[in-house]
Amino acid sequence: MIMGEHMSTIVVLAVIAAATVMAIRSIVRNRKNGKSCGGDCGHCDGCR
C-alpha cells in the first residue's frame, strides 16, 4: 500500500506547503496594507 509507506513524507510535505502558503499570504496582505518597506529607508518608519 503506497499511502501507508509514505504517510510521514506526505504529512511533512503538507505542513511545509501550508507554512509556505501562509507566509506568502502574509507578505501579500502586508504589501496591500502598505506595511512593507519596499527598500526605500527614507520613507520607512521602521528604519528611522
C-alpha atoms as a PDB file:
ATOM      1  CA  MET A   1       0.000   0.000   0.000  1.00  0.00           C
ATOM      2  CA  ILE A   2       1.644   3.206  -1.175  1.00  0.00           C
ATOM      3  CA  MET A   3      -0.202   5.572   1.165  1.00  0.00           C
ATOM      4  CA  GLY A   4       0.936   3.765   4.314  1.00  0.00           C
ATOM      5  CA  GLU A   5       4.576   3.626   3.246  1.00  0.00           C
ATOM      6  CA  HIS A   6       4.823   7.343   2.510  1.00  0.00           C
ATOM      7  CA  MET A   7       2.443   8.806   5.076  1.00  0.00           C
ATOM      8  CA  SER A   8       5.151  10.631   7.057  1.00  0.00           C
ATOM      9  CA  THR A   9       6.543  12.188   3.875  1.00  0.00           C
ATOM     10  CA  ILE A  10       3.085  13.310   2.824  1.00  0.00           C
ATOM     11  CA  VAL A  11       2.418  14.869   6.249  1.00  0.00           C
ATOM     12  CA  VAL A  12       5.739  16.748   6.267  1.00  0.00           C
ATOM     13  CA  LEU A  13       5.138  17.974   2.723  1.00  0.00           C
ATOM     14  CA  ALA A  14       1.646  19.176   3.665  1.00  0.00           C
ATOM     15  CA  VAL A  15       2.995  21.077   6.698  1.00  0.00           C
ATOM     16  CA  ILE A  16       5.728  22.747   4.623  1.00  0.00           C
ATOM     17  CA  ALA A  17       3.236  23.653   1.886  1.00  0.00           C
ATOM     18  CA  ALA A  18       0.813  25.141   4.436  1.00  0.00           C
ATOM     19  CA  ALA A  19       3.583  27.208   6.051  1.00  0.00           C
ATOM     20  CA  THR A  20       4.685  28.488   2.643  1.00  0.00           C
ATOM     21  CA  VAL A  21       1.148  29.486   1.684  1.00  0.00           C
ATOM     22  CA  MET A  22       0.631  31.306   4.994  1.00  0.00           C
ATOM     23  CA  ALA A  23       3.942  33.183   4.616  1.00  0.00           C
ATOM     24  CA  ILE A  24       3.088  34.287   1.077  1.00  0.00           C
ATOM     25  CA  ARG A  25      -0.403  35.387   2.144  1.00  0.00           C
ATOM     26  CA  SER A  26       1.106  37.422   4.984  1.00  0.00           C
ATOM     27  CA  ILE A  27       3.558  39.149   2.624  1.00  0.00           C
ATOM     28  CA  VAL A  28       0.795  39.952   0.121  1.00  0.00           C
ATOM     29  CA  ARG A  29      -1.504  41.321   2.847  1.00  0.00           C
ATOM     30  CA  ASN A  30       1.284  43.495   4.269  1.00  0.00           C
ATOM     31  CA  ARG A  31       2.037  44.924   0.830  1.00  0.00           C
ATOM     32  CA  LYS A  32      -1.640  45.684   0.173  1.00  0.00           C
ATOM     33  CA  ASN A  33      -1.914  47.453   3.537  1.00  0.00           C
ATOM     34  CA  GLY A  34       1.254  49.476   2.928  1.00  0.00           C
ATOM     35  CA  LYS A  35       3.194  47.781   5.717  1.00  0.00           C
ATOM     36  CA  SER A  36       6.161  46.720   3.595  1.00  0.00           C
ATOM     37  CA  CYS A  37       9.271  48.872   3.481  1.00  0.00           C
ATOM     38  CA  GLY A  38       9.991  48.489  -0.240  1.00  0.00           C
ATOM     39  CA  GLY A  39      13.720  49.172   0.151  1.00  0.00           C
ATOM     40  CA  ASP A  40      13.412  52.961   0.465  1.00  0.00           C
ATOM     41  CA  CYS A  41      14.590  53.628   4.022  1.00  0.00           C
ATOM     42  CA  GLY A  42      13.786  57.329   3.718  1.00  0.00           C
ATOM     43  CA  HIS A  43      10.078  56.527   3.776  1.00  0.00           C
ATOM     44  CA  CYS A  44      10.120  53.539   6.122  1.00  0.00           C
ATOM     45  CA  ASP A  45       9.202  54.218   9.759  1.00  0.00           C
ATOM     46  CA  GLY A  46      10.979  51.038  10.811  1.00  0.00           C
ATOM     47  CA  CYS A  47      14.347  52.379   9.644  1.00  0.00           C
ATOM     48  CA  ARG A  48      14.215  55.718  11.480  1.00  0.00           C
END
